[in-house]
Amino acid sequence: MTKVFPGPISNLPEADIPIKGLTAHLSQAADHQILFMQFDRDVALPEHEHSAQVGIVVEGKIELVIGKEKHSFTKGDRYYIPEGVPHSGKIYAGYADITFFAEPARYPTK
């Protein structure tokens, strides 16, 4: 897999997210987390909900069902999932994004 994110990002702590094919680096703050995620295989996301999430697509494609609306996002797009809104989707191999979670302890480090 070609690395999308340069040293200052890939040197951040790795997030402990139990999804095969995912590499995620974590920028931690007192009231939120920012993840730099890269996927080397297709991943199905089962329906779930949590605090607000904002994503900026850096490479590839993601399909999301947010609430009851289906969306497709590619490089340069951004998405917003409000707090408590059920969502699911499919991430395609080669996808990379920068994701903001409005919660400080969404994921631990490895």
Protein backbone atom coordinates (compact mmCIF):
# COMPACT_ATOMS: atom_id res chain seq x y z
CA MET A 1 0.00 0.00 0.00
CA THR A 2 1.35 3.42 -0.95
CA LYS A 3 1.28 5.74 2.03
CA VAL A 4 -0.95 8.76 1.50
CA PHE A 5 0.09 10.72 4.59
CA PRO A 6 3.61 12.17 5.02
CA GLY A 7 5.91 11.76 8.04
CA PRO A 8 4.44 14.38 10.36
CA ILE A 9 1.13 12.49 10.18
CA SER A 10 2.39 8.91 9.84
CA ASN A 11 4.60 9.51 12.89
CA LEU A 12 1.53 10.23 15.05
CA PRO A 13 0.39 7.40 17.36
CA GLU A 14 -1.54 4.66 15.62
CA ALA A 15 -5.20 4.33 16.63
CA ASP A 16 -6.45 0.97 17.86
CA ILE A 17 -9.41 0.36 15.55
CA PRO A 18 -10.33 -3.30 14.97
CA ILE A 19 -10.89 -3.12 11.20
CA LYS A 20 -8.72 -5.30 8.94
CA GLY A 21 -6.95 -3.33 6.24
CA LEU A 22 -7.10 -0.01 8.11
CA THR A 23 -4.15 2.12 9.15
CA ALA A 24 -5.17 5.13 11.24
CA HIS A 25 -3.02 7.78 12.90
CA LEU A 26 -4.48 9.76 15.77
CA SER A 27 -4.23 13.42 16.71
CA GLN A 28 -5.64 13.69 20.23
CA ALA A 29 -7.13 16.81 21.85
CA ALA A 30 -8.96 17.46 25.10
CA ASP A 31 -12.38 17.55 23.43
CA HIS A 32 -12.01 15.71 20.10
CA GLN A 33 -9.96 13.34 17.95
CA ILE A 34 -8.74 13.69 14.39
CA LEU A 35 -7.91 10.49 12.53
CA PHE A 36 -5.89 10.14 9.34
CA MET A 37 -7.22 6.87 7.92
CA GLN A 38 -6.12 4.75 4.98
CA PHE A 39 -7.75 1.47 3.84
CA ASP A 40 -6.05 -1.21 1.75
CA ARG A 41 -9.16 -3.39 1.38
CA ASP A 42 -12.92 -3.01 1.04
CA VAL A 43 -14.74 -2.64 4.37
CA ALA A 44 -18.46 -2.87 5.13
CA LEU A 45 -19.54 -0.60 7.99
CA PRO A 46 -22.55 -1.92 9.93
CA GLU A 47 -25.11 0.60 11.12
CA HIS A 48 -24.01 2.48 14.24
CA GLU A 49 -24.16 5.95 15.81
CA HIS A 50 -21.96 8.19 17.94
CA SER A 51 -21.00 11.85 18.41
CA ALA A 52 -20.74 14.17 15.41
CA GLN A 53 -18.31 13.16 12.66
CA VAL A 54 -16.86 15.20 9.79
CA GLY A 55 -14.77 13.60 7.05
CA ILE A 56 -12.68 14.98 4.20
CA VAL A 57 -11.93 12.45 1.45
CA VAL A 58 -8.26 12.46 0.44
CA GLU A 59 -8.31 9.46 -1.93
CA GLY A 60 -10.77 6.86 -3.21
CA LYS A 61 -14.46 6.32 -2.57
CA ILE A 62 -16.84 5.80 0.34
CA GLU A 63 -20.58 5.17 0.22
CA LEU A 64 -22.56 6.16 3.32
CA VAL A 65 -26.17 5.82 4.35
CA ILE A 66 -26.70 8.72 6.77
CA GLY A 67 -30.09 8.47 8.40
CA LYS A 68 -32.03 7.08 5.48
CA GLU A 69 -30.17 8.92 2.68
CA LYS A 70 -27.51 7.20 0.55
CA HIS A 71 -24.46 9.24 -0.49
CA SER A 72 -21.26 8.59 -2.43
CA PHE A 73 -18.13 10.62 -1.71
CA THR A 74 -14.83 10.76 -3.60
CA LYS A 75 -11.56 12.70 -3.48
CA GLY A 76 -12.13 16.31 -2.42
CA ASP A 77 -15.62 15.71 -1.00
CA ARG A 78 -16.56 16.17 2.64
CA TYR A 79 -19.31 14.62 4.70
CA TYR A 80 -21.03 15.38 8.00
CA ILE A 81 -22.80 12.92 10.26
CA PRO A 82 -24.69 14.68 13.09
CA GLU A 83 -24.53 13.31 16.62
CA GLY A 84 -26.79 10.32 17.22
CA VAL A 85 -27.72 9.77 13.56
CA PRO A 86 -27.54 6.10 12.54
CA HIS A 87 -25.21 5.47 9.60
CA SER A 88 -23.64 2.60 7.69
CA GLY A 89 -21.67 2.22 4.51
CA LYS A 90 -18.96 0.73 2.37
CA ILE A 91 -15.36 1.87 2.12
CA TYR A 92 -13.43 0.84 -0.98
CA ALA A 93 -9.80 -0.26 -1.03
CA GLY A 94 -7.55 2.75 -1.64
CA TYR A 95 -9.75 5.09 0.37
CA ALA A 96 -8.10 7.66 2.66
CA ASP A 97 -9.61 10.47 4.68
CA ILE A 98 -9.18 12.91 7.53
CA THR A 99 -11.96 12.40 10.07
CA PHE A 100 -12.94 14.62 13.00
CA PHE A 101 -14.84 13.02 15.90
CA ALA A 102 -16.48 15.38 18.41
CA GLU A 103 -15.45 13.17 21.32
CA PRO A 104 -12.06 12.89 23.02
CA ALA A 105 -11.98 9.14 23.64
CA ARG A 106 -13.52 7.59 20.53
CA TYR A 107 -10.45 5.41 19.89
CA PRO A 108 -7.45 4.52 22.05
CA THR A 109 -3.89 4.31 20.73
CA LYS A 110 -2.19 0.96 20.09
